[in-house]
Protein backbone atom coordinates (compact mmCIF):
# COMPACT_ATOMS: atom_id res chain seq x y z
CA MET A 1 0.00 0.00 0.00
CA LEU A 2 1.29 3.45 -0.93
CA ASP A 3 1.12 6.54 1.23
CA GLY A 4 -0.06 9.89 -0.07
CA MET A 5 3.36 10.66 -1.60
CA GLY A 6 3.60 7.46 -3.68
CA GLN A 7 5.91 5.77 -1.18
CA PRO A 8 5.16 2.39 0.39
CA SER A 9 3.71 2.52 3.89
CA LEU A 10 5.86 1.50 6.85
CA GLU A 11 3.94 -1.76 7.14
CA THR A 12 4.52 -2.51 3.45
CA LEU A 13 8.24 -1.78 3.78
CA GLN A 14 8.49 -4.04 6.82
CA TYR A 15 6.75 -6.85 4.91
CA GLN A 16 9.03 -6.36 1.90
CA ALA A 17 12.17 -6.43 4.05
CA GLU A 18 10.98 -9.62 5.73
CA GLN A 19 10.15 -11.33 2.42
CA LEU A 20 13.49 -10.37 0.86
CA THR A 21 15.38 -11.54 3.94
CA THR A 22 13.65 -14.90 3.61
CA SER A 23 14.52 -14.93 -0.10
CA MET A 24 18.19 -14.38 0.79
CA GLN A 25 18.05 -17.15 3.38
CA ALA A 26 16.59 -19.49 0.75
CA LEU A 27 19.50 -18.73 -1.57
CA THR A 28 22.01 -19.74 1.08
CA SER A 29 20.31 -22.88 2.42
CA LEU A 30 22.76 -25.76 2.66
CA THR A 31 20.01 -28.37 2.98
CA ARG A 32 18.44 -27.76 -0.43
CA THR A 33 19.55 -28.40 -3.98
CA PRO A 34 20.56 -25.41 -6.11
CA GLN A 35 17.22 -25.63 -7.99
CA GLU A 36 15.26 -25.72 -4.73
CA ARG A 37 17.19 -22.69 -3.45
CA LEU A 38 16.44 -20.76 -6.63
CA ASP A 39 12.75 -21.78 -6.58
CA ARG A 40 12.26 -20.63 -2.98
CA ALA A 41 14.19 -17.40 -3.46
CA ILE A 42 12.21 -16.49 -6.59
CA SER A 43 8.96 -17.46 -4.87
CA TYR A 44 9.59 -15.07 -1.94
CA PHE A 45 10.89 -12.38 -4.29
CA SER A 46 7.80 -12.57 -6.51
CA ARG A 47 5.43 -12.23 -3.53
CA THR A 48 7.28 -9.21 -2.14
CA PHE A 49 5.91 -6.45 -4.37
CA ARG A 50 2.24 -5.83 -5.17
CA ASP A 51 3.30 -2.63 -6.90
CA ASP A 52 6.61 -1.92 -8.61
CA PRO A 53 9.19 -0.64 -6.14
CA THR A 54 10.20 3.01 -6.34
CA GLY A 55 13.50 4.83 -6.52
CA HIS A 56 16.77 2.90 -6.70
CA ALA A 57 14.97 -0.32 -5.69
CA PHE A 58 13.15 -0.30 -9.04
CA ALA A 59 16.40 -0.61 -11.02
CA ILE A 60 17.54 -3.53 -8.87
CA TRP A 61 14.13 -5.20 -9.16
CA ARG A 62 14.27 -4.86 -12.96
CA ARG A 63 17.70 -6.54 -13.08
CA ILE A 64 16.20 -9.62 -11.44
CA TYR A 65 13.28 -9.71 -13.88
CA LYS A 66 15.61 -9.32 -16.85
CA ALA A 67 17.86 -12.13 -15.56
CA ILE A 68 14.90 -14.52 -15.38
CA GLY A 69 13.75 -13.70 -18.90
CA ASP A 70 11.53 -10.66 -18.31
CA PRO A 71 8.26 -12.61 -17.96
CA PRO A 72 4.94 -10.79 -18.51
CA VAL A 73 3.25 -9.22 -15.50
CA GLY A 74 1.02 -11.70 -13.69
CA THR A 75 3.02 -14.72 -14.85
CA THR A 76 3.95 -17.31 -12.25
CA LEU A 77 7.71 -17.16 -12.01
CA ALA A 78 9.39 -20.51 -12.56
CA VAL A 79 12.99 -20.64 -13.66
CA LYS A 80 15.03 -23.73 -14.43
CA LEU A 81 18.56 -23.36 -13.16
CA GLU A 82 20.05 -25.02 -16.24
CA THR A 83 18.50 -22.36 -18.50
CA LEU A 84 20.31 -19.54 -16.71
CA THR A 85 23.84 -18.51 -17.56
CA PRO A 86 26.30 -18.21 -14.67
CA GLU A 87 26.07 -14.43 -15.10
CA GLU A 88 22.27 -14.51 -14.79
CA GLN A 89 22.51 -16.72 -11.69
CA GLU A 90 24.98 -14.27 -10.16
CA THR A 91 22.79 -11.29 -11.10
CA ILE A 92 19.77 -12.88 -9.40
CA ALA A 93 21.66 -13.69 -6.20
CA GLN A 94 23.46 -10.36 -5.95
CA SER A 95 20.40 -8.33 -6.87
CA ILE A 96 18.17 -10.03 -4.30
CA CYS A 97 20.77 -9.20 -1.64
CA GLU A 98 21.14 -5.63 -2.91
CA LEU A 99 17.37 -5.17 -3.09
CA GLN A 100 16.93 -6.45 0.45
CA ALA A 101 19.54 -3.97 1.69
CA GLU A 102 17.88 -1.09 -0.19
CA ILE A 103 14.39 -1.93 1.12
CA GLN A 104 15.73 -2.43 4.66
CA LYS A 105 17.45 0.97 4.54
CA THR A 106 14.20 2.60 3.34
CA CYS A 107 12.27 0.77 6.07
CA TRP A 108 14.63 1.99 8.80
CA GLU A 109 14.30 5.55 7.51
CA ALA A 110 10.49 5.26 7.53
CA GLU A 111 10.60 3.87 11.09
CA ARG A 112 12.82 6.79 12.18
CA LEU A 113 10.46 9.34 10.59
CA ALA A 114 7.42 7.68 12.18
CA ALA A 115 9.08 7.80 15.61
CA GLU A 116 9.97 11.46 15.14
CA ALA A 117 6.40 12.26 14.07
CA ALA A 118 5.03 10.46 17.13
CA GLN A 119 7.39 12.37 19.42
CA ALA A 120 6.41 15.68 17.80
CA ALA A 121 2.72 14.86 18.21
CA GLU A 122 3.25 13.99 21.89
CA ALA A 123 5.19 17.22 22.46
CA SER A 124 2.48 19.34 20.83
CA GLU A 125 -0.22 17.72 23.02
CA ALA A 126 1.72 18.41 26.22
């Protein structure tokens, strides 16, 4: 959900950060095959955004979509590991990590601003 300025709400950012963290964890799982790791990571990634991300996150998000073949919007994402080049595999892994860091940074900033707004509101009521 977007706020009045076209930015995701704090709750949306927190959800996105959580989903992308889980996607990163899936990529690094030692108990799954490489295909299973990719499937889980892409699954969490694809459920992260109801709307396209904004700002720098959009460029990172697009890199992932391009690496998996730029599927049409609304398509279930399924990627066979053997169809990806090593460069595409690396792009997916690095971009998911980079996107998670970008969303987390935006989330922390939104949390800071929300806390400041709450403090200002309390001060004005006192």
